[in-house]
């Protein structure tokens, strides 16, 4: 395997690693071991009702009644975001040289950093994150780094994603393996499949920095706010875990825009969320501009936008240019019940060559000349 090959190559002159003991964890996953260092990601807000009563484990059961009230769901927002750069606690390792302004010279001098680079880790961005370089240089590879890498791989992070994972979230090495396993056990207790668990932690490296209680509240928040079934909650988390760990206030603001400002129904909002979760992480002003053009200028009904939410993720100029081209040709027909139907996905999800050949049915040169008139 890739990991074995890399490590054998880099550690052939080093002392062999000792086997890490993987303890057996309780099935409840309610209590996590307490770290000696205060966790800035903890949620002390006692006013928030626990969502553990939400039976995400039931295949198609409706959300429970003792769910988190959306009006108080953002109580954890004033806390330090687990995605934000957190300056790690000082270690006993030798400090960075005073003359070193980046990690490049240290990679040449440190065998441990070279081993990280060999795993595919991009250390270039760590210089811009306060405290990260100091923290990484102070790590003991055999005791802190390699056991965590092996655990991540065993939890489902593919070989070729270990480097990108660590590049984005080197603070994973601050977490105890016991805590990480409890957070995975929680997902399994909620009947996430092994593939879904792997998808969650691979797609969002910051997920594992959230305690089980915070994840539990957030899953309950989405279940209640969007009237999601248990299976739909798991589907959303596996497809776009970053939405679950994003700022809840931003989710509520986006919901207000889509529902109150543009009049989408609850069912249509659910279609958008499950079809293209990325929409809910875009800037609110961006979605407002795109919906304004799609609904008010192009005249698209809410149902059609909800069924093809991918159109909301493309820049407005791309949609505008192609729509105006079709309008000039008399081909701007987006109603599937009428002849000459043009799907929104084919409108924006193709190259200029494909669009001209399959949709507009004109030469690319004609399209380029038209663009000059805009």
Protein backbone atom coordinates (compact mmCIF):
# COMPACT_ATOMS: atom_id res chain seq x y z
CA UNK A 1 0.00 0.00 0.00
CA UNK A 2 0.94 3.63 -0.50
CA UNK A 3 1.40 4.39 3.21
CA UNK A 4 3.50 1.33 3.89
CA UNK A 5 5.75 2.05 0.93
CA UNK A 6 6.30 5.68 1.92
CA UNK A 7 6.98 4.98 5.57
CA UNK A 8 9.26 2.02 4.89
CA UNK A 9 11.27 4.21 2.55
CA UNK A 10 11.59 7.07 5.04
CA UNK A 11 12.08 5.10 8.24
CA UNK A 12 14.48 2.36 7.19
CA UNK A 13 17.20 3.91 9.39
CA UNK A 14 14.89 4.65 12.29
CA UNK A 15 13.70 2.54 15.20
CA UNK A 16 10.58 0.54 14.21
CA UNK A 17 7.31 1.96 15.46
CA UNK A 18 5.45 0.34 18.31
CA UNK A 19 1.91 -0.84 17.75
CA UNK A 20 -0.79 1.55 18.92
CA UNK A 21 -3.39 -0.01 21.16
CA UNK A 22 -6.95 0.66 19.98
CA UNK A 23 -9.21 0.49 23.04
CA UNK A 24 -12.79 -0.69 22.94
CA UNK A 25 -15.23 2.19 23.31
CA UNK A 26 -18.70 2.21 24.81
CA UNK A 27 -21.58 2.06 22.34
CA UNK A 28 -23.35 5.06 23.82
CA UNK A 29 -20.64 7.53 22.79
CA UNK A 30 -22.22 10.07 25.15
CA UNK A 31 -19.16 11.04 27.15
CA UNK A 32 -15.82 11.83 25.63
CA UNK A 33 -12.53 11.74 27.51
CA UNK A 34 -11.61 15.15 28.88
CA UNK A 35 -8.42 16.62 27.49
CA UNK A 36 -5.94 18.26 29.84
CA UNK A 37 -6.00 21.36 27.64
CA UNK A 38 -9.21 23.37 27.55
CA UNK A 39 -11.06 22.67 24.30
CA UNK A 40 -12.07 25.95 22.59
CA UNK A 41 -14.68 24.04 20.61
CA UNK A 42 -16.72 22.96 23.65
CA UNK A 43 -20.32 24.12 23.97
CA UNK A 44 -21.11 25.43 27.48
CA UNK A 45 -24.51 26.80 26.48
CA UNK A 46 -26.76 24.93 28.87
CA UNK A 47 -29.87 26.59 27.47
CA UNK A 48 -29.70 24.45 24.31
CA UNK A 49 -31.92 21.39 24.39
CA UNK A 50 -30.11 18.19 23.50
CA UNK A 51 -31.10 16.57 20.22
CA UNK A 52 -30.09 13.08 21.26
CA UNK A 53 -33.79 12.20 21.14
CA UNK A 54 -33.67 12.55 17.35
CA UNK A 55 -33.64 8.97 16.09
CA UNK A 56 -31.29 9.43 13.18
CA UNK A 57 -30.77 5.70 13.42
CA UNK A 58 -34.27 4.91 12.18
CA UNK A 59 -34.31 4.32 8.47
CA UNK A 60 -37.25 6.57 7.62
CA UNK A 61 -38.50 7.79 10.97
CA UNK A 62 -39.74 11.39 11.28
CA UNK A 63 -37.76 13.80 13.45
CA UNK A 64 -38.46 13.57 17.18
CA UNK A 65 -40.35 16.21 19.07
CA UNK A 66 -37.63 17.24 21.52
CA UNK A 67 -35.53 18.90 18.85
CA UNK A 68 -33.45 22.02 18.94
CA UNK A 69 -35.44 25.23 18.54
CA UNK A 70 -34.04 27.02 15.45
CA UNK A 71 -34.39 30.32 17.29
CA UNK A 72 -31.76 29.28 19.82
CA UNK A 73 -29.75 27.01 17.54
CA UNK A 74 -27.02 29.56 17.11
CA UNK A 75 -26.11 29.70 20.77
CA UNK A 76 -22.76 28.13 19.92
CA UNK A 77 -21.84 30.84 17.40
CA UNK A 78 -20.03 33.13 19.87
CA UNK A 79 -17.73 30.25 20.66
CA UNK A 80 -14.50 29.79 18.73
CA UNK A 81 -15.33 28.07 15.45
CA UNK A 82 -13.67 24.69 15.09
CA UNK A 83 -12.81 25.67 11.51
CA UNK A 84 -10.96 28.80 12.56
CA UNK A 85 -7.25 28.94 13.14
CA UNK A 86 -6.63 28.09 16.77
CA UNK A 87 -3.20 28.81 18.21
CA UNK A 88 -2.08 25.49 19.70
CA UNK A 89 -0.87 25.23 23.24
CA UNK A 90 2.93 25.59 23.62
CA UNK A 91 4.89 22.39 23.51
CA UNK A 92 8.16 21.46 25.05
CA UNK A 93 9.80 21.19 21.66
CA UNK A 94 12.60 23.44 20.52
CA UNK A 95 11.19 26.80 19.27
CA UNK A 96 11.41 27.89 15.66
CA UNK A 97 14.62 29.69 14.73
CA UNK A 98 14.29 33.48 15.02
CA UNK A 99 15.45 33.97 11.44
CA UNK A 100 13.02 31.45 9.95
CA UNK A 101 10.05 33.15 8.25
CA UNK A 102 8.60 30.01 6.67
CA UNK A 103 8.73 26.25 6.86
CA UNK A 104 10.76 25.73 3.68
CA UNK A 105 14.22 25.70 5.33
CA UNK A 106 12.86 23.61 8.18
CA UNK A 107 11.61 20.94 5.77
CA UNK A 108 15.15 20.54 4.53
CA UNK A 109 16.45 20.23 8.07
CA UNK A 110 13.68 18.14 9.65
CA UNK A 111 13.23 14.46 8.82
CA UNK A 112 9.72 14.53 10.35
CA UNK A 113 8.58 17.37 8.11
CA UNK A 114 10.00 15.56 5.09
CA UNK A 115 7.94 12.52 6.05
CA UNK A 116 4.81 14.67 6.11
CA UNK A 117 5.66 16.08 2.70
CA UNK A 118 6.19 12.53 1.43
CA UNK A 119 2.63 11.75 2.50
CA UNK A 120 1.42 14.52 0.21
CA UNK A 121 1.03 17.25 2.85
CA UNK A 122 1.25 20.82 1.56
CA UNK A 123 2.93 22.82 4.34
CA UNK A 124 3.12 26.08 2.37
CA UNK A 125 -0.08 27.48 3.83
CA UNK A 126 0.81 26.85 7.45
CA UNK A 127 3.08 29.89 7.61
CA UNK A 128 0.05 32.16 7.32
CA UNK A 129 -1.82 30.48 10.18
CA UNK A 130 -0.80 31.73 13.64
CA UNK A 131 0.89 29.11 15.77
CA UNK A 132 0.57 26.24 13.28
CA UNK A 133 4.24 26.13 12.22
CA UNK A 134 5.40 26.20 15.84
CA UNK A 135 2.94 23.45 16.73
CA UNK A 136 3.87 21.13 13.83
CA UNK A 137 7.62 21.49 14.35
CA UNK A 138 7.15 20.52 17.99
CA UNK A 139 5.32 17.28 17.19
CA UNK A 140 6.82 13.87 17.83
CA UNK A 141 6.23 11.97 14.59
CA UNK A 142 6.31 8.49 16.08
CA UNK A 143 4.18 9.32 19.11
CA UNK A 144 1.75 11.98 17.84
CA UNK A 145 1.68 12.05 14.04
CA UNK A 146 1.99 8.51 12.74
CA UNK A 147 -0.60 6.92 15.10
CA UNK A 148 -3.11 9.58 14.03
CA UNK A 149 -2.33 9.03 10.34
CA UNK A 150 -2.88 5.31 10.76
CA UNK A 151 -6.13 5.96 12.59
CA UNK A 152 -7.42 8.28 9.86
CA UNK A 153 -6.60 5.71 7.21
CA UNK A 154 -8.35 3.01 9.21
CA UNK A 155 -11.40 5.26 9.62
CA UNK A 156 -11.78 5.50 5.86
CA UNK A 157 -9.64 8.39 4.62
CA UNK A 158 -8.13 7.13 1.32
CA UNK A 159 -4.37 7.07 0.78
CA UNK A 160 -4.46 9.92 -1.70
CA UNK A 161 -6.55 12.09 0.62
CA UNK A 162 -4.37 11.84 3.74
CA UNK A 163 -2.08 14.62 2.52
CA UNK A 164 -4.89 17.07 1.66
CA UNK A 165 -6.63 16.22 4.96
CA UNK A 166 -3.56 17.08 7.06
CA UNK A 167 -2.78 20.12 4.90
CA UNK A 168 -6.17 21.62 5.73
CA UNK A 169 -6.35 20.52 9.35
CA UNK A 170 -2.99 19.89 11.05
CA UNK A 171 -4.73 20.55 14.36
CA UNK A 172 -6.07 17.01 14.12
CA UNK A 173 -2.81 16.03 15.86
CA UNK A 174 -3.99 17.88 18.97
CA UNK A 175 -6.89 15.47 19.37
CA UNK A 176 -6.66 12.28 21.42
CA UNK A 177 -7.30 9.08 19.50
CA UNK A 178 -9.88 8.16 22.12
CA UNK A 179 -11.86 11.32 21.33
CA UNK A 180 -11.65 10.74 17.58
CA UNK A 181 -12.90 7.19 17.93
CA UNK A 182 -15.82 8.30 20.10
CA UNK A 183 -16.86 10.79 17.38
CA UNK A 184 -16.82 8.04 14.78
CA UNK A 185 -18.69 5.72 17.14
CA UNK A 186 -21.39 8.38 17.44
CA UNK A 187 -21.97 8.35 13.67
CA UNK A 188 -22.10 4.58 13.63
CA UNK A 189 -24.61 4.65 16.49
CA UNK A 190 -26.76 6.92 14.31
CA UNK A 191 -26.62 4.26 11.59
CA UNK A 192 -24.25 6.02 9.23
CA UNK A 193 -22.78 3.35 6.98
CA UNK A 194 -19.02 2.84 6.89
CA UNK A 195 -18.94 4.52 3.48
CA UNK A 196 -20.90 7.50 4.81
CA UNK A 197 -18.57 7.86 7.81
CA UNK A 198 -15.56 7.82 5.49
CA UNK A 199 -17.21 10.41 3.25
CA UNK A 200 -17.97 12.70 6.19
CA UNK A 201 -14.46 12.82 7.64
CA UNK A 202 -12.73 12.88 4.24
CA UNK A 203 -14.83 15.67 2.73
CA UNK A 204 -14.64 17.84 5.87
CA UNK A 205 -11.37 17.43 7.80
CA UNK A 206 -12.71 19.81 10.46
CA UNK A 207 -15.65 17.55 11.37
CA UNK A 208 -13.55 15.56 13.84
CA UNK A 209 -12.75 18.73 15.80
CA UNK A 210 -16.41 18.98 16.83
CA UNK A 211 -17.56 17.16 19.95
CA UNK A 212 -20.37 14.63 19.65
CA UNK A 213 -22.72 16.94 21.53
CA UNK A 214 -22.18 19.76 19.02
CA UNK A 215 -22.64 17.46 16.04
CA UNK A 216 -25.77 16.03 17.65
CA UNK A 217 -27.28 19.50 18.07
CA UNK A 218 -26.41 20.48 14.51
CA UNK A 219 -27.92 17.36 12.96
CA UNK A 220 -31.07 18.02 14.98
CA UNK A 221 -31.07 21.65 13.83
CA UNK A 222 -31.12 20.66 10.16
CA UNK A 223 -33.66 17.89 10.75
CA UNK A 224 -36.10 20.30 12.31
CA UNK A 225 -35.46 23.39 10.21
CA UNK A 226 -35.90 21.55 6.90
CA UNK A 227 -38.24 18.75 8.04
CA UNK A 228 -35.74 16.07 7.08
CA UNK A 229 -36.19 12.35 7.55
CA UNK A 230 -33.45 10.42 9.34
CA UNK A 231 -32.14 8.98 6.07
CA UNK A 232 -32.06 12.46 4.55
CA UNK A 233 -29.98 13.77 7.46
CA UNK A 234 -27.43 11.05 6.84
CA UNK A 235 -27.51 11.72 3.11
CA UNK A 236 -26.88 15.44 3.66
CA UNK A 237 -24.03 14.88 6.12
CA UNK A 238 -22.29 12.37 3.84
CA UNK A 239 -22.73 14.47 0.71
CA UNK A 240 -21.76 17.84 2.19
CA UNK A 241 -20.52 17.63 5.80
CA UNK A 242 -19.19 21.18 5.53
CA UNK A 243 -22.78 22.43 5.54
CA UNK A 244 -23.39 20.75 8.90
CA UNK A 245 -20.28 22.35 10.45
CA UNK A 246 -20.82 25.79 8.91
CA UNK A 247 -22.18 28.78 10.83
CA UNK A 248 -25.80 28.11 11.76
CA UNK A 249 -26.60 31.80 11.60
CA UNK A 250 -25.62 31.82 7.93
CA UNK A 251 -27.92 28.86 7.28
CA UNK A 252 -30.84 30.65 8.91
CA UNK A 253 -30.12 33.86 6.98
CA UNK A 254 -30.03 31.93 3.69
CA UNK A 255 -33.28 30.21 4.56
CA UNK A 256 -34.89 33.60 5.18
CA UNK A 257 -33.71 34.83 1.79
CA UNK A 258 -34.94 31.80 -0.13
CA UNK A 259 -38.22 31.36 1.75
CA UNK A 260 -39.31 34.86 2.76
CA UNK A 261 -37.71 37.08 0.11
CA UNK A 262 -38.28 34.82 -2.90
CA UNK A 263 -41.24 32.75 -1.75
CA UNK A 264 -39.92 29.20 -2.06
CA UNK A 265 -41.93 26.58 -0.21
CA UNK A 266 -40.51 24.30 2.49
CA UNK A 267 -40.57 21.36 0.07
CA UNK A 268 -38.69 23.36 -2.57
CA UNK A 269 -36.07 24.46 -0.03
CA UNK A 270 -35.56 20.83 0.94
CA UNK A 271 -35.00 19.95 -2.71
CA UNK A 272 -32.33 22.65 -2.98
CA UNK A 273 -30.63 21.55 0.23
CA UNK A 274 -30.47 17.86 -0.69
CA UNK A 275 -29.81 18.44 -4.39
CA UNK A 276 -27.06 21.04 -4.06
CA UNK A 277 -26.02 21.66 -0.43
CA UNK A 278 -23.29 24.02 -1.64
CA UNK A 279 -25.96 26.67 -2.28
CA UNK A 280 -26.36 27.12 1.47
CA UNK A 281 -22.67 27.96 1.90
CA UNK A 282 -22.62 30.72 -0.74
CA UNK A 283 -22.73 34.39 0.11
CA UNK A 284 -26.26 35.55 0.73
CA UNK A 285 -25.93 38.48 -1.66
CA UNK A 286 -24.70 36.13 -4.39
CA UNK A 287 -27.75 33.88 -4.10
CA UNK A 288 -30.02 36.93 -4.03
CA UNK A 289 -28.56 38.22 -7.32
CA UNK A 290 -28.80 34.83 -9.02
CA UNK A 291 -32.35 34.17 -7.89
CA UNK A 292 -33.32 37.68 -8.99
CA UNK A 293 -32.08 36.97 -12.50
CA UNK A 294 -33.40 33.41 -12.74
CA UNK A 295 -36.85 34.14 -11.37
CA UNK A 296 -37.55 37.73 -12.33
CA UNK A 297 -35.61 38.10 -15.60
CA UNK A 298 -35.69 34.59 -17.05
CA UNK A 299 -39.13 33.93 -15.59
CA UNK A 300 -38.25 30.52 -14.17
CA UNK A 301 -40.78 29.13 -11.65
CA UNK A 302 -39.63 28.13 -8.17
CA UNK A 303 -40.26 24.47 -8.90
CA UNK A 304 -37.89 24.42 -11.87
CA UNK A 305 -35.10 26.15 -9.93
CA UNK A 306 -35.56 23.77 -7.00
CA UNK A 307 -35.38 20.75 -9.31
CA UNK A 308 -32.15 22.03 -10.90
CA UNK A 309 -30.40 23.81 -7.99
CA UNK A 310 -27.02 23.39 -9.66
CA UNK A 311 -27.81 26.52 -11.69
CA UNK A 312 -27.46 28.58 -8.49
CA UNK A 313 -23.79 27.65 -8.17
CA UNK A 314 -22.71 29.16 -11.52
CA UNK A 315 -21.67 32.77 -11.91
CA UNK A 316 -24.45 35.05 -13.06
CA UNK A 317 -22.58 36.31 -16.12
CA UNK A 318 -22.41 32.76 -17.47
CA UNK A 319 -26.15 32.22 -17.07
CA UNK A 320 -26.93 35.70 -18.43
CA UNK A 321 -24.77 35.38 -21.54
CA UNK A 322 -26.16 32.01 -22.55
CA UNK A 323 -29.75 32.90 -21.76
CA UNK A 324 -29.56 36.09 -23.83
CA UNK A 325 -28.04 34.12 -26.71
CA UNK A 326 -30.93 31.65 -26.62
CA UNK A 327 -33.40 34.51 -26.28
CA UNK A 328 -32.05 36.10 -29.45
CA UNK A 329 -32.38 32.75 -31.25
CA UNK A 330 -35.85 32.11 -29.85
CA UNK A 331 -34.65 28.99 -28.07
CA UNK A 332 -35.02 30.16 -24.45
CA UNK A 333 -37.62 27.51 -23.65
CA UNK A 334 -37.15 25.95 -20.18
CA UNK A 335 -40.54 24.28 -19.74
CA UNK A 336 -40.06 20.51 -20.07
CA UNK A 337 -43.71 20.06 -21.10
CA UNK A 338 -43.22 22.07 -24.31
CA UNK A 339 -41.22 21.33 -27.48
CA UNK A 340 -37.66 22.64 -27.67
CA UNK A 341 -37.07 22.19 -23.93
CA UNK A 342 -33.64 23.33 -22.69
CA UNK A 343 -32.59 21.99 -19.29
CA UNK A 344 -30.88 24.34 -16.88
CA UNK A 345 -28.05 21.86 -16.44
CA UNK A 346 -27.32 21.89 -20.18
CA UNK A 347 -27.58 25.68 -20.16
CA UNK A 348 -24.75 26.21 -17.67
CA UNK A 349 -23.05 22.85 -17.13
CA UNK A 350 -21.25 22.55 -20.43
CA UNK A 351 -18.34 24.12 -22.27
CA UNK A 352 -18.91 26.85 -24.83
CA UNK A 353 -18.34 24.33 -27.61
CA UNK A 354 -20.91 21.92 -26.19
CA UNK A 355 -23.39 24.71 -25.53
CA UNK A 356 -23.13 26.02 -29.08
CA UNK A 357 -23.34 22.56 -30.65
CA UNK A 358 -26.03 20.93 -28.50
CA UNK A 359 -28.15 23.82 -27.18
CA UNK A 360 -27.80 26.99 -29.25
CA UNK A 361 -26.96 25.03 -32.41
CA UNK A 362 -24.73 27.78 -33.77
CA UNK A 363 -20.97 27.97 -34.47
CA UNK A 364 -18.78 29.04 -31.59
CA UNK A 365 -17.63 32.02 -33.66
CA UNK A 366 -21.23 33.26 -33.82
CA UNK A 367 -21.55 32.99 -30.07
CA UNK A 368 -18.29 34.87 -29.53
CA UNK A 369 -19.45 37.65 -31.84
CA UNK A 370 -22.69 37.91 -29.90
CA UNK A 371 -20.78 38.25 -26.63
CA UNK A 372 -19.04 41.33 -27.99
CA UNK A 373 -22.41 43.08 -28.22
CA UNK A 374 -23.22 42.69 -24.53
